């Protein structure tokens, strides 16, 4: 049913035309006189709709919704004012500003977001998007404005909205894509509600530069585990041989350690000072515990621990003296960086322990599908794209077989290469064939 409603102190029309819900905002404040005026106009709108003679663009010239109903009249009548719509020019449609709409959009979307994602969205809107688009009405944001915004993000310079300030560094393509993606999402919702074309629709994402991973070698890993502080040895062993992300290791509780099945249950993550569910359903997985991992967890168990008891189930496995999980920044600055510096090892982020584990699994000849599941990937695509150059030559699949063949053929030798070596005898036995852990 058609009605006159108010938003941010201004009145707007709310009615349906041809099965489409239409909202037309005005510059009328919420007073009794303005409501009566708009009610009279709304009555005429409803009458014209019922008689089949309603022409949207005559009541609301310039409205984005009018483009959905063009073609209803001849070109000669376009732009003419309707006699019975006198006084509506003062009520010309005014869509809300980007900042106002984005606030409501964010409030409605928060139910879908994790806390860490909400914090990230708040930061992007506050520091990058709102300074440029905040005061601009939604229907005045066009493709050129978005492209200009993206270009400024990629350049070093002053504040985005032209205000004098400290030099801003150029952002990398992945960050720019993320920021423009937020603008796109807000305008997607606005386009659905107000019936206009999203100017971001055909703007392509910037191409990302490929970043090579830098896993630790076996020598480097042994050096790190041999010299790390005793209280952090189980933690680093766990990271090196499970491939978990930092937040997954920090959010691990004893209830998620299945000693009987030799499994780590990844169900939660600790980010931004709080424990949440993992980012995606695919991240929730079961990780096989190799013997070094079992020994590390046994060394980490608190005094009096009994896995059959509920007493320790909610406690974090890797925690500080106050019972809270390891703080990423504190660990990096006070343990990780000094350790690598002391050992003369090139600095790499702790995340490289995850890459190290993946390359070790590949070197052991484990199934790519199994490795992908352990890492929390839904397919093997990312595995091969990220680690392709680290796939070992244990099965002579590194070009040596071809080299042997053609060399032999050119020298009148054998017709086919002999494959030396085989899968290592130390390859892990499937979990269902392994015995339970002996506590």
Protein backbone atom coordinates (compact mmCIF):
# COMPACT_ATOMS: atom_id res chain seq x y z
CA UNK A 1 0.00 0.00 0.00
CA UNK A 2 1.32 3.45 -0.92
CA UNK A 3 2.45 5.64 1.94
CA UNK A 4 4.39 8.72 2.98
CA UNK A 5 7.37 7.85 5.16
CA UNK A 6 10.29 9.67 6.73
CA UNK A 7 14.02 9.01 6.72
CA UNK A 8 16.69 11.21 8.27
CA UNK A 9 14.07 13.93 8.80
CA UNK A 10 12.94 14.06 5.14
CA UNK A 11 9.75 12.66 3.65
CA UNK A 12 9.61 10.22 0.77
CA UNK A 13 6.99 8.47 -1.38
CA UNK A 14 6.70 4.71 -1.04
CA UNK A 15 4.49 2.98 -3.62
CA UNK A 16 4.42 0.09 -6.09
CA UNK A 17 4.31 0.44 -9.85
CA UNK A 18 4.18 -2.59 -12.15
CA UNK A 19 5.16 -4.89 -9.31
CA UNK A 20 8.22 -2.79 -8.42
CA UNK A 21 8.56 -1.07 -5.08
CA UNK A 22 9.41 2.57 -5.67
CA UNK A 23 10.81 5.01 -3.15
CA UNK A 24 11.21 8.64 -4.18
CA UNK A 25 12.97 10.90 -1.71
CA UNK A 26 12.20 14.60 -1.36
CA UNK A 27 13.64 17.65 0.33
CA UNK A 28 10.46 18.14 2.37
CA UNK A 29 10.93 18.05 6.13
CA UNK A 30 8.53 16.06 8.25
CA UNK A 31 5.80 18.62 8.94
CA UNK A 32 2.02 18.31 8.88
CA UNK A 33 1.72 20.72 5.94
CA UNK A 34 4.29 18.84 3.85
CA UNK A 35 2.66 15.51 4.60
CA UNK A 36 -0.71 16.87 3.41
CA UNK A 37 0.84 18.20 0.20
CA UNK A 38 2.59 14.91 -0.54
CA UNK A 39 -0.52 12.94 0.36
CA UNK A 40 -2.48 14.84 -2.32
CA UNK A 41 0.21 14.05 -4.88
CA UNK A 42 0.30 10.40 -3.81
CA UNK A 43 -3.48 10.18 -4.24
CA UNK A 44 -3.12 11.36 -7.85
CA UNK A 45 -0.28 8.90 -8.42
CA UNK A 46 -2.43 6.01 -7.20
CA UNK A 47 -5.33 7.15 -9.37
CA UNK A 48 -3.15 7.35 -12.48
CA UNK A 49 -1.68 3.92 -11.77
CA UNK A 50 -5.13 2.39 -11.37
CA UNK A 51 -6.31 4.04 -14.64
CA UNK A 52 -3.17 2.89 -16.49
CA UNK A 53 -2.03 6.39 -17.36
CA UNK A 54 0.78 6.87 -14.85
CA UNK A 55 3.98 8.24 -16.43
CA UNK A 56 6.80 7.93 -13.96
CA UNK A 57 9.17 10.52 -15.40
CA UNK A 58 6.52 13.25 -15.36
CA UNK A 59 6.02 12.97 -11.65
CA UNK A 60 9.68 12.36 -10.89
CA UNK A 61 11.85 13.83 -13.67
CA UNK A 62 15.47 12.73 -13.44
CA UNK A 63 14.73 9.80 -11.14
CA UNK A 64 16.84 6.66 -11.76
CA UNK A 65 13.62 4.64 -11.49
CA UNK A 66 12.19 6.50 -14.47
CA UNK A 67 14.72 4.83 -16.78
CA UNK A 68 13.07 1.50 -16.00
CA UNK A 69 9.79 2.68 -17.40
CA UNK A 70 10.89 4.73 -20.43
CA UNK A 71 9.27 3.88 -23.72
CA UNK A 72 5.81 4.34 -22.26
CA UNK A 73 5.43 7.64 -24.02
CA UNK A 74 6.54 9.31 -27.23
CA UNK A 75 9.68 11.35 -27.53
CA UNK A 76 7.65 14.48 -28.07
CA UNK A 77 6.24 14.37 -24.56
CA UNK A 78 9.45 13.69 -22.74
CA UNK A 79 10.44 16.22 -20.15
CA UNK A 80 7.06 18.00 -20.14
CA UNK A 81 5.71 19.01 -16.77
CA UNK A 82 2.41 17.53 -15.68
CA UNK A 83 -0.16 20.23 -14.81
CA UNK A 84 -1.44 18.41 -11.76
CA UNK A 85 2.08 17.95 -10.41
CA UNK A 86 2.57 21.63 -9.67
CA UNK A 87 4.78 22.20 -6.68
CA UNK A 88 6.56 18.87 -7.09
CA UNK A 89 9.71 20.58 -8.34
CA UNK A 90 10.44 21.47 -4.74
CA UNK A 91 10.12 17.78 -4.00
CA UNK A 92 12.58 16.69 -6.69
CA UNK A 93 13.91 13.24 -5.88
CA UNK A 94 17.00 13.31 -3.70
CA UNK A 95 18.64 9.98 -2.95
CA UNK A 96 20.48 9.76 0.36
CA UNK A 97 24.18 10.52 0.50
CA UNK A 98 26.61 7.61 0.33
CA UNK A 99 27.58 7.91 4.01
CA UNK A 100 23.98 7.77 5.19
CA UNK A 101 23.14 4.76 3.04
CA UNK A 102 26.41 2.98 3.87
CA UNK A 103 25.67 3.25 7.59
CA UNK A 104 22.35 1.47 7.19
CA UNK A 105 23.87 -1.09 4.82
CA UNK A 106 26.64 -1.88 7.29
CA UNK A 107 24.18 -2.20 10.17
CA UNK A 108 22.07 -4.71 8.22
CA UNK A 109 25.08 -6.71 7.00
CA UNK A 110 26.80 -7.08 10.37
CA UNK A 111 24.69 -10.10 11.23
CA UNK A 112 26.51 -11.94 8.40
CA UNK A 113 30.03 -10.85 9.35
CA UNK A 114 32.60 -12.06 11.82
CA UNK A 115 33.92 -9.49 14.27
CA UNK A 116 37.30 -9.25 12.52
CA UNK A 117 35.56 -8.62 9.20
CA UNK A 118 33.40 -5.89 10.74
CA UNK A 119 36.51 -4.18 12.06
CA UNK A 120 38.13 -4.35 8.62
CA UNK A 121 35.03 -2.92 6.92
CA UNK A 122 34.82 -0.07 9.43
CA UNK A 123 38.46 0.79 8.78
CA UNK A 124 38.09 0.78 4.98
CA UNK A 125 34.98 2.94 5.07
CA UNK A 126 36.38 5.41 7.59
CA UNK A 127 39.87 5.87 6.15
CA UNK A 128 39.37 5.45 2.42
CA UNK A 129 35.78 5.48 1.16
CA UNK A 130 33.81 8.04 3.18
CA UNK A 131 36.34 10.89 2.78
CA UNK A 132 35.66 10.72 -0.98
CA UNK A 133 32.08 9.48 -1.38
CA UNK A 134 30.52 10.29 2.00
CA UNK A 135 28.63 13.48 1.06
CA UNK A 136 27.85 12.50 -2.54
CA UNK A 137 24.22 11.49 -3.29
CA UNK A 138 24.04 7.90 -4.50
CA UNK A 139 22.69 8.84 -7.95
CA UNK A 140 25.59 11.26 -8.54
CA UNK A 141 28.30 8.61 -8.19
CA UNK A 142 29.31 7.63 -11.70
CA UNK A 143 31.94 5.43 -13.31
CA UNK A 144 34.44 8.26 -13.80
CA UNK A 145 34.32 9.15 -10.10
CA UNK A 146 35.04 5.55 -9.08
CA UNK A 147 37.87 5.20 -11.61
CA UNK A 148 39.41 8.46 -10.43
CA UNK A 149 39.19 7.20 -6.84
CA UNK A 150 40.93 3.96 -7.80
CA UNK A 151 43.69 5.87 -9.60
CA UNK A 152 44.36 8.06 -6.57
CA UNK A 153 44.64 4.99 -4.36
CA UNK A 154 47.42 3.69 -6.59
CA UNK A 155 49.43 6.93 -6.38
CA UNK A 156 51.42 8.35 -3.54
CA UNK A 157 50.19 11.77 -2.52
CA UNK A 158 47.98 13.84 -0.25
CA UNK A 159 44.72 12.83 1.34
CA UNK A 160 42.22 11.36 -1.10
CA UNK A 161 39.67 14.14 -0.76
CA UNK A 162 42.21 16.87 -1.44
CA UNK A 163 42.70 17.99 2.15
CA UNK A 164 46.26 18.93 3.01
CA UNK A 165 47.91 16.32 5.13
CA UNK A 166 50.81 13.88 5.41
CA UNK A 167 51.98 12.11 2.29
CA UNK A 168 49.95 8.96 1.72
CA UNK A 169 51.75 5.92 0.34
CA UNK A 170 50.52 4.17 -2.78
CA UNK A 171 48.52 1.04 -2.03
CA UNK A 172 49.17 -2.36 -3.55
CA UNK A 173 46.65 -3.82 -6.06
CA UNK A 174 45.15 -6.33 -3.62
CA UNK A 175 44.36 -3.55 -1.12
CA UNK A 176 42.90 -1.35 -3.86
CA UNK A 177 40.69 -4.21 -5.05
CA UNK A 178 39.46 -4.69 -1.49
CA UNK A 179 38.64 -0.99 -1.04
CA UNK A 180 36.88 -0.62 -4.40
CA UNK A 181 35.07 -3.86 -3.61
CA UNK A 182 33.50 -2.21 -0.56
CA UNK A 183 32.24 0.67 -2.74
CA UNK A 184 30.87 -1.90 -5.17
CA UNK A 185 28.99 -3.79 -2.45
CA UNK A 186 27.37 -0.65 -1.04
CA UNK A 187 26.29 0.51 -4.50
CA UNK A 188 25.03 -2.98 -5.37
CA UNK A 189 22.53 -2.73 -2.54
CA UNK A 190 21.66 0.88 -3.40
CA UNK A 191 21.06 -0.09 -7.03
CA UNK A 192 18.64 -2.81 -5.93
CA UNK A 193 16.73 -0.46 -3.66
CA UNK A 194 16.59 2.59 -5.92
CA UNK A 195 16.68 1.01 -9.35
CA UNK A 196 19.80 2.52 -10.94
CA UNK A 197 22.80 0.97 -12.66
CA UNK A 198 25.76 0.36 -10.38
CA UNK A 199 28.69 2.34 -11.87
CA UNK A 200 31.13 -0.28 -10.53
CA UNK A 201 29.57 -3.13 -12.51
CA UNK A 202 32.07 -3.20 -15.39
CA UNK A 203 35.13 -1.96 -13.52
CA UNK A 204 37.66 -4.79 -13.55
CA UNK A 205 39.80 -5.79 -10.61
CA UNK A 206 43.47 -4.87 -10.83
CA UNK A 207 45.80 -7.69 -11.74
CA UNK A 208 47.75 -8.93 -8.75
CA UNK A 209 51.46 -9.40 -8.76
CA UNK A 210 52.43 -12.96 -8.07
CA UNK A 211 54.21 -13.36 -4.75
CA UNK A 212 56.64 -16.23 -4.37
CA UNK A 213 56.44 -18.21 -1.16
CA UNK A 214 59.59 -18.68 0.92
CA UNK A 215 59.32 -21.86 2.95
CA UNK A 216 62.12 -22.73 5.35
CA UNK A 217 64.57 -25.44 4.37
CA UNK A 218 65.00 -28.54 6.51
CA UNK A 219 68.31 -27.15 7.78
CA UNK A 220 66.72 -23.83 8.74
CA UNK A 221 63.78 -25.56 10.42
CA UNK A 222 66.08 -27.75 12.51
CA UNK A 223 68.09 -24.68 13.54
CA UNK A 224 64.94 -22.83 14.60
CA UNK A 225 63.55 -25.73 16.64
CA UNK A 226 66.95 -26.37 18.25
CA UNK A 227 67.46 -22.79 19.43
CA UNK A 228 63.97 -21.46 20.18
CA UNK A 229 63.04 -20.77 23.80
CA UNK A 230 61.96 -23.96 25.55
CA UNK A 231 58.47 -22.65 26.29
CA UNK A 232 57.89 -21.94 22.58
CA UNK A 233 59.35 -25.20 21.22
CA UNK A 234 56.00 -27.11 21.27
CA UNK A 235 54.26 -24.16 19.62
CA UNK A 236 56.72 -23.91 16.71
CA UNK A 237 56.81 -27.69 16.29
CA UNK A 238 53.02 -27.65 16.06
CA UNK A 239 53.07 -24.84 13.47
CA UNK A 240 55.79 -26.45 11.34
CA UNK A 241 54.13 -29.88 11.17
CA UNK A 242 50.42 -29.04 10.92
CA UNK A 243 50.38 -26.08 8.54
CA UNK A 244 47.74 -24.24 10.56
CA UNK A 245 47.29 -20.49 10.31
CA UNK A 246 48.28 -18.30 13.26
CA UNK A 247 44.69 -17.65 14.33
CA UNK A 248 43.87 -21.36 14.13
CA UNK A 249 46.81 -22.31 16.36
CA UNK A 250 46.00 -19.57 18.86
CA UNK A 251 42.29 -20.47 19.00
CA UNK A 252 42.93 -24.19 19.59
CA UNK A 253 41.45 -25.56 22.82
CA UNK A 254 42.15 -28.91 24.43
CA UNK A 255 38.64 -30.11 23.60
CA UNK A 256 39.66 -29.94 19.93
CA UNK A 257 42.49 -32.44 20.36
CA UNK A 258 41.24 -35.96 19.54
CA UNK A 259 43.95 -38.21 20.94
CA UNK A 260 42.16 -41.42 20.03
CA UNK A 261 41.89 -40.61 16.32
CA UNK A 262 45.14 -38.63 16.22
CA UNK A 263 43.34 -35.55 14.93
CA UNK A 264 43.36 -31.81 15.51
CA UNK A 265 39.87 -30.37 15.04
CA UNK A 266 40.07 -26.89 13.53
CA UNK A 267 36.82 -25.22 14.60
CA UNK A 268 37.75 -21.77 15.91
CA UNK A 269 40.23 -19.00 15.29
CA UNK A 270 41.59 -16.29 17.59
CA UNK A 271 41.84 -12.89 15.87
CA UNK A 272 41.67 -9.37 17.19
CA UNK A 273 41.55 -10.44 20.82
CA UNK A 274 38.55 -12.76 20.52
CA UNK A 275 37.71 -16.30 19.48
CA UNK A 276 35.38 -16.79 16.52
CA UNK A 277 34.37 -19.52 14.13
CA UNK A 278 36.68 -20.08 11.19
CA UNK A 279 36.35 -17.83 8.15
CA UNK A 280 34.72 -20.45 5.91
CA UNK A 281 33.17 -23.90 6.25
CA UNK A 282 36.14 -25.29 4.31
CA UNK A 283 38.48 -24.03 7.02
CA UNK A 284 36.76 -26.31 9.53
CA UNK A 285 38.68 -29.53 9.12
CA UNK A 286 40.52 -32.37 10.83
CA UNK A 287 44.31 -32.39 10.72
CA UNK A 288 46.32 -35.57 11.17
CA UNK A 289 48.76 -35.53 14.10
CA UNK A 290 52.19 -36.79 13.13
CA UNK A 291 54.46 -38.08 15.87
CA UNK A 292 56.34 -34.77 16.34
CA UNK A 293 52.98 -33.03 16.80
CA UNK A 294 51.85 -35.59 19.36
CA UNK A 295 55.08 -35.17 21.31
CA UNK A 296 54.74 -31.37 21.18
CA UNK A 297 51.19 -31.49 22.52
CA UNK A 298 52.17 -33.93 25.27
CA UNK A 299 54.92 -31.51 26.31
CA UNK A 300 52.40 -28.66 26.25
CA UNK A 301 49.78 -30.37 28.42
CA UNK A 302 49.17 -28.62 31.75
CA UNK A 303 49.89 -30.36 35.02
CA UNK A 304 47.16 -32.80 35.94
CA UNK A 305 45.78 -32.92 32.40
CA UNK A 306 43.35 -35.73 31.65
CA UNK A 307 41.77 -35.75 28.21
CA UNK A 308 38.76 -37.63 29.59
CA UNK A 309 38.03 -34.81 32.03
CA UNK A 310 36.06 -31.65 31.24
CA UNK A 311 38.31 -29.58 33.48
CA UNK A 312 40.76 -28.53 30.78
CA UNK A 313 38.49 -28.74 27.73
CA UNK A 314 37.91 -24.98 27.38
CA UNK A 315 41.53 -24.00 28.03
CA UNK A 316 43.65 -22.80 25.12
CA UNK A 317 46.48 -25.12 24.16
CA UNK A 318 49.02 -22.39 23.46
CA UNK A 319 48.49 -19.68 26.01
CA UNK A 320 50.35 -17.03 27.95
CA UNK A 321 50.65 -16.74 31.72
CA UNK A 322 47.28 -14.99 31.98
CA UNK A 323 45.55 -17.91 30.27
CA UNK A 324 44.91 -16.08 27.00
CA UNK A 325 46.17 -17.22 23.58
CA UNK A 326 49.52 -16.12 22.23
CA UNK A 327 49.48 -12.56 20.94
CA UNK A 328 50.66 -12.48 17.34
CA UNK A 329 52.42 -9.11 17.52
CA UNK A 330 54.11 -9.90 20.82
CA UNK A 331 55.32 -13.29 19.56
CA UNK A 332 56.64 -11.81 16.32
CA UNK A 333 58.52 -8.95 17.97
CA UNK A 334 59.84 -10.67 21.10
CA UNK A 335 60.43 -14.25 19.95
CA UNK A 336 60.31 -14.79 16.19
CA UNK A 337 62.30 -11.85 14.83
CA UNK A 338 65.10 -12.04 17.44
CA UNK A 339 65.40 -15.80 16.88
CA UNK A 340 65.83 -15.54 13.10
CA UNK A 341 68.24 -12.64 13.52
CA UNK A 342 70.32 -14.62 16.04
CA UNK A 343 70.48 -17.60 13.70
CA UNK A 344 71.33 -15.49 10.65
CA UNK A 345 68.22 -16.69 8.82
CA UNK A 346 66.48 -14.33 6.42
CA UNK A 347 63.34 -12.92 8.04
CA UNK A 348 60.07 -14.44 6.90
CA UNK A 349 56.62 -14.04 8.41
CA UNK A 350 55.50 -16.86 10.74
CA UNK A 351 52.96 -17.72 8.02
CA UNK A 352 55.84 -19.28 6.07
CA UNK A 353 55.72 -22.17 8.56
CA UNK A 354 52.44 -23.12 6.86
CA UNK A 355 54.15 -23.12 3.46
CA UNK A 356 57.00 -25.15 4.92
CA UNK A 357 54.60 -27.83 6.10
CA UNK A 358 52.91 -28.01 2.70
CA UNK A 359 56.23 -28.50 0.92
CA UNK A 360 57.21 -31.22 3.41
CA UNK A 361 53.97 -33.08 2.71
CA UNK A 362 54.65 -32.81 -1.00
CA UNK A 363 58.21 -34.04 -0.50
CA UNK A 364 56.83 -37.03 1.39
CA UNK A 365 54.70 -37.92 -1.62
CA UNK A 366 51.36 -37.40 0.10
CA UNK A 367 48.25 -37.18 -2.06
CA UNK A 368 47.53 -33.61 -3.27
CA UNK A 369 43.86 -34.06 -2.34
CA UNK A 370 44.83 -35.04 1.20
CA UNK A 371 47.24 -32.09 1.51
CA UNK A 372 44.57 -29.67 0.27
CA UNK A 373 42.15 -30.93 2.93
CA UNK A 374 44.79 -30.59 5.64
CA UNK A 375 45.40 -26.98 4.61
CA UNK A 376 41.70 -26.15 4.44
CA UNK A 377 41.52 -25.73 0.65
CA UNK A 378 38.34 -26.87 -1.10
CA UNK A 379 40.25 -27.98 -4.23
CA UNK A 380 43.83 -28.75 -5.25
CA UNK A 381 43.95 -25.73 -7.59
CA UNK A 382 45.56 -23.41 -5.04
CA UNK A 383 47.94 -26.17 -3.97
CA UNK A 384 49.36 -26.63 -7.46
CA UNK A 385 49.36 -22.90 -8.21
CA UNK A 386 51.25 -22.07 -5.01
CA UNK A 387 53.61 -25.02 -4.63
CA UNK A 388 54.13 -26.28 -8.17
CA UNK A 389 57.86 -25.53 -8.22
CA UNK A 390 58.36 -27.36 -4.92
CA UNK A 391 56.91 -30.69 -6.09
CA UNK A 392 59.92 -32.99 -5.67
CA UNK A 393 61.45 -35.31 -8.21
CA UNK A 394 60.88 -38.39 -6.09
CA UNK A 395 58.90 -39.94 -8.95
CA UNK A 396 61.27 -38.50 -11.58
CA UNK A 397 58.62 -36.07 -12.77
CA UNK A 398 60.92 -33.09 -12.98
CA UNK A 399 62.20 -33.48 -16.56
CA UNK A 400 64.97 -35.94 -15.75
CA UNK A 401 63.09 -38.83 -17.33
CA UNK A 402 62.75 -36.93 -20.61
CA UNK A 403 66.40 -35.91 -20.45
CA UNK A 404 67.45 -39.55 -19.97
CA UNK A 405 65.26 -40.68 -22.86
CA UNK A 406 66.46 -38.19 -25.46
CA UNK A 407 70.11 -38.45 -24.37
CA UNK A 408 69.97 -42.22 -24.68
CA UNK A 409 68.22 -42.06 -28.04
CA UNK A 410 70.70 -39.58 -29.47
CA UNK A 411 73.59 -41.76 -28.33
CA UNK A 412 72.02 -44.99 -29.57
CA UNK A 413 71.09 -46.08 -26.07
CA UNK A 414 67.90 -47.27 -24.43
CA UNK A 415 64.41 -46.50 -25.71
CA UNK A 416 62.96 -45.51 -22.38
CA UNK A 417 64.30 -44.08 -19.15
CA UNK A 418 64.82 -46.12 -16.07
CA UNK A 419 63.06 -44.57 -13.13
CA UNK A 420 65.29 -44.46 -10.15
CA UNK A 421 63.96 -44.12 -6.69
CA UNK A 422 60.51 -44.65 -5.34
CA UNK A 423 58.19 -43.20 -2.82
CA UNK A 424 60.01 -42.90 0.50
CA UNK A 425 59.45 -45.68 2.97
CA UNK A 426 58.68 -43.04 5.57
CA UNK A 427 55.50 -41.99 3.80
CA UNK A 428 52.72 -41.56 6.30
CA UNK A 429 50.30 -44.43 6.79
CA UNK A 430 46.63 -43.52 6.37
CA UNK A 431 45.09 -42.36 9.63
CA UNK A 432 42.55 -45.18 9.81
CA UNK A 433 45.40 -47.73 9.85
CA UNK A 434 47.30 -46.04 12.65
CA UNK A 435 46.91 -46.95 16.27
CA UNK A 436 45.58 -44.64 18.92
CA UNK A 437 47.95 -42.49 20.91
CA UNK A 438 49.31 -44.17 23.97
CA UNK A 439 48.99 -41.67 26.77
